[in-house]
Amino acid sequence: MPLAAILGCAGPELSDAERRFFSAADPLGFIVFARNLVEPDQVRRLTADLRASIGRPDAPILVDQEGGRVARLKAPHWRHPPAADKFGAIGASDRARAASAVRVNHELMATELRALGLTVDCAPLIDVRLDGAHDIIGDRAYGTDPYLVADLGRAAAEGLMAGGVMPIIKHIPGHGRSMVDSHFDLPRVDTDFDTLAETDFVPFRALHDIPWAMTAHIVYTAIDAAQPATLSRTVISEVIRGEIGFSGLLLSDDLSMKALKGGLDELAQGSLEAGCDVVLHCNGDMAEMEKVVKGAKPLSSAGLARYEQGQRRLNADPDFDQADLKDELSALMA
């Protein structure tokens, strides 16, 4: 059974030390960032080498390609997709057209990712933006209306799956109320449970059937005043698995973010014990990854079943013409 972890690498090519480390650790898969992505042929070599290092040609390789300011694939080699709020603005007056545009954009995104060997996208972000909150979410959100966010998030997820790429809904159970950036500090949300259920949880409840979700590093004091969602058995069991009804593969957000305090071995162990299926570590730092691997454990049988069930949801042989999709998207965005 592979290790219940997704790991990064330091640069555009694997070092011999990384190959040996990954071979021994056998993580479920990998994640890449802008530091790893130079040009198309190089990315294809890297994704092939990552899979070869663990001997699994179907291992998932993740990327954050939302569009807007969160797009790891950049010009001049790659298209820059629009930010989510561009689609939300269309949806304010024409929800059907916005949903069509989102789906086409994500079908096109899937063709772009698969051509590089990238098979999982850390998108869509279906947090409901709260006016006045920290802009870590901001224009990454489809808007402030939870039902519009749900509709456009559904279109995004289905577009990716139609193109053979796994979506990850994030940040469950909702990051839109955060007043600080969880990359640097731990947000605390004091909103009462009923209000959360009527707003923040709505898109996640509507998309509870999507195969993968990523947790929020946020304390929700009405649910668990001590632990952020990623480390909270209460939030995961009662809200994510219970109130929201998510039954797919639950991935932690990046354990190296400063919202979480403690050793990375303890954080990896704590996340899995709280109910995450897989932990995520992004920065490619070998010393940190060694600690994550020390604290993690093999993927559980339940996690494996969730992973395999999700894979069956993907279109295994998508047949999209990029030029046609680009023309359709341009017309819908006009």
Protein backbone atom coordinates (compact mmCIF):
# COMPACT_ATOMS: atom_id res chain seq x y z
CA MET A 1 0.00 0.00 0.00
CA PRO A 2 1.48 3.42 -0.87
CA LEU A 3 2.17 5.98 1.84
CA ALA A 4 -0.79 8.26 2.54
CA ALA A 5 1.13 11.34 1.38
CA ILE A 6 1.52 13.64 -1.60
CA LEU A 7 5.02 15.16 -1.83
CA GLY A 8 6.81 17.82 -3.87
CA CYS A 9 10.26 18.05 -5.41
CA ALA A 10 12.80 20.87 -5.35
CA GLY A 11 13.34 21.81 -8.99
CA PRO A 12 12.68 21.04 -12.67
CA GLU A 13 14.62 17.76 -12.55
CA LEU A 14 14.82 15.02 -9.94
CA SER A 15 18.08 14.64 -8.10
CA ASP A 16 19.49 11.20 -7.38
CA ALA A 17 18.75 11.78 -3.71
CA GLU A 18 15.10 12.54 -4.49
CA ARG A 19 14.80 9.40 -6.61
CA ARG A 20 16.14 7.27 -3.78
CA PHE A 21 13.97 8.99 -1.20
CA PHE A 22 10.75 8.65 -3.21
CA SER A 23 11.52 5.03 -4.05
CA ALA A 24 11.86 4.22 -0.35
CA ALA A 25 8.94 6.37 0.85
CA ASP A 26 6.50 5.30 -1.91
CA PRO A 27 4.06 8.23 -1.60
CA LEU A 28 0.64 7.98 -3.19
CA GLY A 29 1.64 10.77 -5.58
CA PHE A 30 3.25 14.14 -6.10
CA ILE A 31 2.52 17.85 -6.48
CA VAL A 32 4.34 20.33 -8.72
CA PHE A 33 4.68 24.11 -8.54
CA ALA A 34 6.03 26.90 -10.73
CA ARG A 35 9.58 26.07 -9.59
CA ASN A 36 9.18 22.68 -11.31
CA LEU A 37 7.57 23.89 -14.55
CA VAL A 38 9.82 25.40 -17.22
CA GLU A 39 8.56 24.28 -20.62
CA PRO A 40 6.35 21.44 -21.92
CA ASP A 41 8.96 18.80 -22.79
CA GLN A 42 10.71 19.34 -19.45
CA VAL A 43 7.41 18.93 -17.55
CA ARG A 44 6.64 15.71 -19.40
CA ARG A 45 10.08 14.35 -18.48
CA LEU A 46 9.61 15.36 -14.86
CA THR A 47 6.18 13.78 -14.48
CA ALA A 48 7.46 10.57 -16.10
CA ASP A 49 10.50 10.56 -13.79
CA LEU A 50 8.36 11.12 -10.69
CA ARG A 51 6.19 8.14 -11.57
CA ALA A 52 9.22 6.02 -12.45
CA SER A 53 10.76 6.76 -9.05
CA ILE A 54 7.94 4.85 -7.34
CA GLY A 55 7.24 2.37 -10.12
CA ARG A 56 3.61 3.38 -10.63
CA PRO A 57 2.83 4.81 -14.08
CA ASP A 58 -0.65 5.87 -12.93
CA ALA A 59 0.43 7.72 -9.77
CA PRO A 60 -1.48 11.01 -9.38
CA ILE A 61 0.46 14.23 -9.98
CA LEU A 62 -1.22 17.38 -8.69
CA VAL A 63 -0.94 21.03 -9.66
CA ASP A 64 -2.62 24.24 -8.46
CA GLN A 65 -4.11 25.54 -11.70
CA GLU A 66 -7.15 27.56 -10.68
CA GLY A 67 -6.68 30.50 -13.04
CA GLY A 68 -6.14 34.14 -12.21
CA ARG A 69 -3.40 34.65 -9.59
CA VAL A 70 -3.19 30.94 -8.78
CA ALA A 71 -1.84 29.41 -11.97
CA ARG A 72 1.40 27.45 -11.82
CA LEU A 73 1.59 27.05 -15.61
CA LYS A 74 2.49 30.45 -16.99
CA ALA A 75 3.22 32.31 -20.23
CA PRO A 76 4.85 32.05 -22.67
CA HIS A 77 4.29 28.30 -22.85
CA TRP A 78 0.81 28.06 -21.37
CA ARG A 79 -2.57 29.80 -21.48
CA HIS A 80 -3.50 31.85 -18.43
CA PRO A 81 -7.08 30.91 -17.44
CA PRO A 82 -9.38 33.63 -16.07
CA ALA A 83 -9.86 34.10 -12.33
CA ALA A 84 -13.01 32.61 -10.82
CA ASP A 85 -14.62 35.97 -10.15
CA LYS A 86 -14.67 36.70 -13.91
CA PHE A 87 -17.11 33.82 -14.29
CA GLY A 88 -18.99 34.89 -11.18
CA ALA A 89 -19.55 38.33 -12.69
CA ILE A 90 -21.16 36.72 -15.74
CA GLY A 91 -23.23 34.48 -13.47
CA ALA A 92 -24.71 37.46 -11.65
CA SER A 93 -26.85 38.15 -14.73
CA ASP A 94 -26.67 34.91 -16.76
CA ARG A 95 -26.01 31.84 -14.64
CA ALA A 96 -26.40 29.37 -17.50
CA ARG A 97 -23.82 31.15 -19.67
CA ALA A 98 -21.42 31.41 -16.75
CA ALA A 99 -21.74 27.68 -16.03
CA SER A 100 -21.13 26.87 -19.69
CA ALA A 101 -18.05 29.09 -19.74
CA VAL A 102 -16.69 27.52 -16.55
CA ARG A 103 -17.20 24.00 -17.88
CA VAL A 104 -15.52 24.76 -21.21
CA ASN A 105 -12.63 26.52 -19.45
CA HIS A 106 -12.04 23.46 -17.28
CA GLU A 107 -12.40 21.01 -20.16
CA LEU A 108 -9.71 23.04 -21.92
CA MET A 109 -7.63 23.11 -18.73
CA ALA A 110 -7.86 19.32 -18.51
CA THR A 111 -6.49 18.90 -22.04
CA GLU A 112 -3.60 21.23 -21.15
CA LEU A 113 -2.76 19.35 -17.95
CA ARG A 114 -3.06 15.83 -19.34
CA ALA A 115 -0.70 16.71 -22.19
CA LEU A 116 1.97 17.32 -19.52
CA GLY A 117 1.29 14.23 -17.43
CA LEU A 118 -0.61 16.20 -14.76
CA THR A 119 -3.70 14.31 -13.66
CA VAL A 120 -5.13 16.11 -10.61
CA ASP A 121 -6.01 19.81 -10.35
CA CYS A 122 -6.33 21.49 -6.94
CA ALA A 123 -9.51 23.18 -8.16
CA PRO A 124 -12.26 24.25 -8.02
CA LEU A 125 -12.08 26.56 -5.05
CA ILE A 126 -15.69 26.64 -3.82
CA ASP A 127 -15.23 28.84 -0.76
CA VAL A 128 -17.93 31.51 -0.46
CA ARG A 129 -16.29 34.93 -0.40
CA LEU A 130 -17.24 37.18 2.50
CA ASP A 131 -16.89 40.88 1.83
CA GLY A 132 -14.32 42.31 4.23
CA ALA A 133 -12.48 39.02 4.74
CA HIS A 134 -8.77 38.56 3.96
CA ASP A 135 -8.06 38.58 0.22
CA ILE A 136 -6.31 35.20 0.35
CA ILE A 137 -9.62 34.02 -1.17
CA GLY A 138 -10.82 37.22 -2.87
CA ASP A 139 -11.05 36.87 -6.66
CA ARG A 140 -10.28 33.17 -6.42
CA ALA A 141 -13.92 32.68 -5.36
CA TYR A 142 -16.87 32.59 -7.73
CA GLY A 143 -18.68 35.06 -5.50
CA THR A 144 -20.65 35.72 -2.33
CA ASP A 145 -23.79 33.76 -3.30
CA PRO A 146 -23.32 30.17 -2.06
CA TYR A 147 -25.72 28.77 -4.64
CA LEU A 148 -23.95 30.47 -7.55
CA VAL A 149 -20.64 29.19 -6.15
CA ALA A 150 -22.13 25.69 -6.03
CA ASP A 151 -23.40 25.84 -9.62
CA LEU A 152 -20.12 27.14 -11.05
CA GLY A 153 -18.06 24.79 -8.88
CA ARG A 154 -20.09 21.87 -10.23
CA ALA A 155 -19.44 23.01 -13.80
CA ALA A 156 -15.70 23.28 -13.10
CA ALA A 157 -15.43 19.85 -11.49
CA GLU A 158 -17.42 18.15 -14.22
CA GLY A 159 -15.38 19.90 -16.92
CA LEU A 160 -12.14 18.60 -15.42
CA MET A 161 -13.49 15.06 -15.04
CA ALA A 162 -14.79 15.08 -18.61
CA GLY A 163 -11.24 15.90 -19.66
CA GLY A 164 -9.78 13.05 -17.61
CA VAL A 165 -8.38 15.17 -14.76
CA MET A 166 -9.37 14.76 -11.11
CA PRO A 167 -10.75 17.89 -9.42
CA ILE A 168 -10.24 18.73 -5.75
CA ILE A 169 -12.91 20.85 -4.10
CA LYS A 170 -11.38 23.18 -1.52
CA HIS A 171 -11.14 24.32 1.25
CA ILE A 172 -13.67 22.15 3.03
CA PRO A 173 -15.71 23.12 5.06
CA GLY A 174 -15.08 26.74 3.92
CA HIS A 175 -12.29 29.32 3.91
CA GLY A 176 -14.20 32.43 2.83
CA ARG A 177 -14.55 33.98 6.30
CA SER A 178 -10.84 33.91 7.12
CA MET A 179 -9.49 37.24 8.32
CA VAL A 180 -5.85 36.13 8.02
CA ASP A 181 -3.83 34.22 5.44
CA SER A 182 -3.45 30.60 6.58
CA HIS A 183 -0.09 30.44 4.81
CA PHE A 184 1.22 32.66 7.63
CA ASP A 185 -1.18 32.43 10.58
CA LEU A 186 -4.03 30.29 11.91
CA PRO A 187 -7.46 31.79 11.13
CA ARG A 188 -10.23 31.49 13.69
CA VAL A 189 -13.86 31.76 12.60
CA ASP A 190 -16.34 32.49 15.38
CA THR A 191 -19.50 32.31 13.25
CA ASP A 192 -22.32 30.19 14.70
CA PHE A 193 -22.99 26.74 13.28
CA ASP A 194 -26.38 27.55 11.71
CA THR A 195 -24.93 30.46 9.74
CA LEU A 196 -22.04 28.31 8.52
CA ALA A 197 -24.48 25.59 7.46
CA GLU A 198 -26.60 28.09 5.53
CA THR A 199 -23.66 29.73 3.70
CA ASP A 200 -20.13 28.29 3.82
CA PHE A 201 -21.18 24.63 3.79
CA VAL A 202 -23.68 25.03 0.93
CA PRO A 203 -21.32 24.55 -2.04
CA PHE A 204 -19.53 21.64 -0.35
CA ARG A 205 -22.84 19.97 0.45
CA ALA A 206 -23.94 20.45 -3.17
CA LEU A 207 -20.67 18.91 -4.42
CA HIS A 208 -20.36 16.22 -1.75
CA ASP A 209 -20.09 13.57 -4.48
CA ILE A 210 -16.90 15.01 -6.05
CA PRO A 211 -14.14 12.40 -5.52
CA TRP A 212 -11.47 14.54 -3.78
CA ALA A 213 -11.59 17.42 -1.28
CA MET A 214 -8.92 19.47 0.52
CA THR A 215 -9.27 20.64 4.11
CA ALA A 216 -9.06 24.17 5.49
CA HIS A 217 -6.44 25.08 8.10
CA ILE A 218 -9.07 27.04 10.05
CA VAL A 219 -10.45 26.81 13.59
CA TYR A 220 -14.26 26.95 13.63
CA THR A 221 -14.94 27.77 17.26
CA ALA A 222 -18.60 26.72 17.08
CA ILE A 223 -17.47 23.19 16.17
CA ASP A 224 -14.00 22.69 17.69
CA ALA A 225 -12.42 25.65 19.45
CA ALA A 226 -9.07 23.89 19.86
CA GLN A 227 -8.10 22.35 16.53
CA PRO A 228 -8.22 23.49 12.89
CA ALA A 229 -10.32 21.37 10.54
CA THR A 230 -7.27 19.50 9.21
CA LEU A 231 -6.49 18.19 12.70
CA SER A 232 -10.01 18.00 14.12
CA ARG A 233 -11.79 14.66 14.43
CA THR A 234 -14.93 16.60 15.32
CA VAL A 235 -14.90 18.79 12.20
CA ILE A 236 -14.06 15.88 9.91
CA SER A 237 -16.50 13.35 11.35
CA GLU A 238 -19.42 15.60 12.28
CA VAL A 239 -19.24 18.27 9.58
CA ILE A 240 -17.23 17.09 6.56
CA ARG A 241 -18.39 13.48 6.65
CA GLY A 242 -21.65 14.20 8.50
CA GLU A 243 -23.38 17.54 7.86
CA ILE A 244 -21.82 18.00 4.41
CA GLY A 245 -21.88 14.31 3.51
CA PHE A 246 -18.54 14.19 1.70
CA SER A 247 -17.58 10.55 1.14
CA GLY A 248 -14.55 10.87 -1.15
CA LEU A 249 -10.80 11.09 -0.61
CA LEU A 250 -9.96 13.77 1.96
CA LEU A 251 -6.59 15.49 1.47
CA SER A 252 -5.04 17.86 3.99
CA ASP A 253 -3.96 21.29 2.83
CA ASP A 254 -0.17 21.79 2.82
CA LEU A 255 1.26 20.78 6.19
CA SER A 256 4.15 23.24 5.82
CA MET A 257 1.84 26.27 5.99
CA LYS A 258 2.43 28.36 9.09
CA ALA A 259 -1.18 28.04 10.24
CA LEU A 260 -0.22 24.68 11.74
CA LYS A 261 2.09 24.49 14.74
CA GLY A 262 4.21 21.52 15.71
CA GLY A 263 6.57 19.05 14.12
CA LEU A 264 5.74 17.84 10.64
CA ASP A 265 5.82 14.22 11.81
CA GLU A 266 3.25 15.08 14.49
CA LEU A 267 1.13 17.05 12.00
CA ALA A 268 1.13 14.21 9.48
CA GLN A 269 0.18 11.70 12.15
CA GLY A 270 -2.44 14.03 13.63
CA SER A 271 -4.08 14.78 10.29
CA LEU A 272 -4.45 11.10 9.46
CA GLU A 273 -5.70 10.25 12.93
CA ALA A 274 -8.26 13.08 12.69
CA GLY A 275 -9.71 11.53 9.52
CA CYS A 276 -7.77 12.84 6.53
CA ASP A 277 -7.04 10.03 4.07
CA VAL A 278 -3.85 11.61 2.69
CA VAL A 279 -1.51 14.40 3.82
CA LEU A 280 0.00 17.01 1.52
CA HIS A 281 3.48 18.55 1.73
CA CYS A 282 4.38 20.98 -1.02
CA ASN A 283 7.73 22.76 -0.76
CA GLY A 284 10.06 19.92 -1.78
CA ASP A 285 12.37 20.38 1.21
CA MET A 286 13.97 17.00 1.81
CA ALA A 287 14.44 17.39 5.58
CA GLU A 288 10.79 18.37 5.99
CA MET A 289 9.58 15.52 3.76
CA GLU A 290 11.55 13.03 5.85
CA LYS A 291 9.57 14.18 8.89
CA VAL A 292 6.26 13.92 7.03
CA VAL A 293 7.11 10.39 5.92
CA LYS A 294 8.05 9.49 9.50
CA GLY A 295 4.65 10.61 10.77
CA ALA A 296 2.51 9.28 7.94
CA LYS A 297 1.35 5.72 7.45
CA PRO A 298 0.28 3.55 4.52
CA LEU A 299 -2.96 4.50 2.81
CA SER A 300 -5.84 2.84 4.63
CA SER A 301 -8.09 0.32 2.93
CA ALA A 302 -10.93 2.87 3.14
CA GLY A 303 -8.69 5.55 1.60
CA LEU A 304 -7.69 3.20 -1.20
CA ALA A 305 -11.34 2.39 -1.90
CA ARG A 306 -12.17 6.10 -2.06
CA TYR A 307 -9.24 6.71 -4.38
CA GLU A 308 -10.19 3.88 -6.73
CA GLN A 309 -13.85 4.86 -6.74
CA GLY A 310 -12.86 8.39 -7.75
CA GLN A 311 -10.70 7.13 -10.61
CA ARG A 312 -13.73 5.39 -12.09
CA ARG A 313 -15.48 8.77 -12.36
CA LEU A 314 -12.94 10.11 -14.86
CA ASN A 315 -13.39 10.07 -18.61
CA ALA A 316 -10.58 7.70 -19.54
CA ASP A 317 -10.35 8.75 -23.20
CA PRO A 318 -11.32 12.41 -23.62
CA ASP A 319 -11.49 13.73 -27.15
CA PHE A 320 -11.51 17.53 -27.08
CA ASP A 321 -10.09 19.87 -29.71
CA GLN A 322 -8.23 22.70 -27.96
CA ALA A 323 -8.84 25.20 -30.76
CA ASP A 324 -12.58 24.54 -30.68
CA LEU A 325 -12.68 24.86 -26.90
CA LYS A 326 -10.76 28.14 -27.02
CA ASP A 327 -13.17 29.56 -29.60
CA GLU A 328 -16.19 28.43 -27.55
CA LEU A 329 -14.75 29.94 -24.37
CA SER A 330 -14.01 33.25 -26.08
CA ALA A 331 -17.58 33.46 -27.33
CA LEU A 332 -19.01 32.67 -23.91
CA MET A 333 -16.76 35.22 -22.17
CA ALA A 334 -17.48 38.00 -24.66
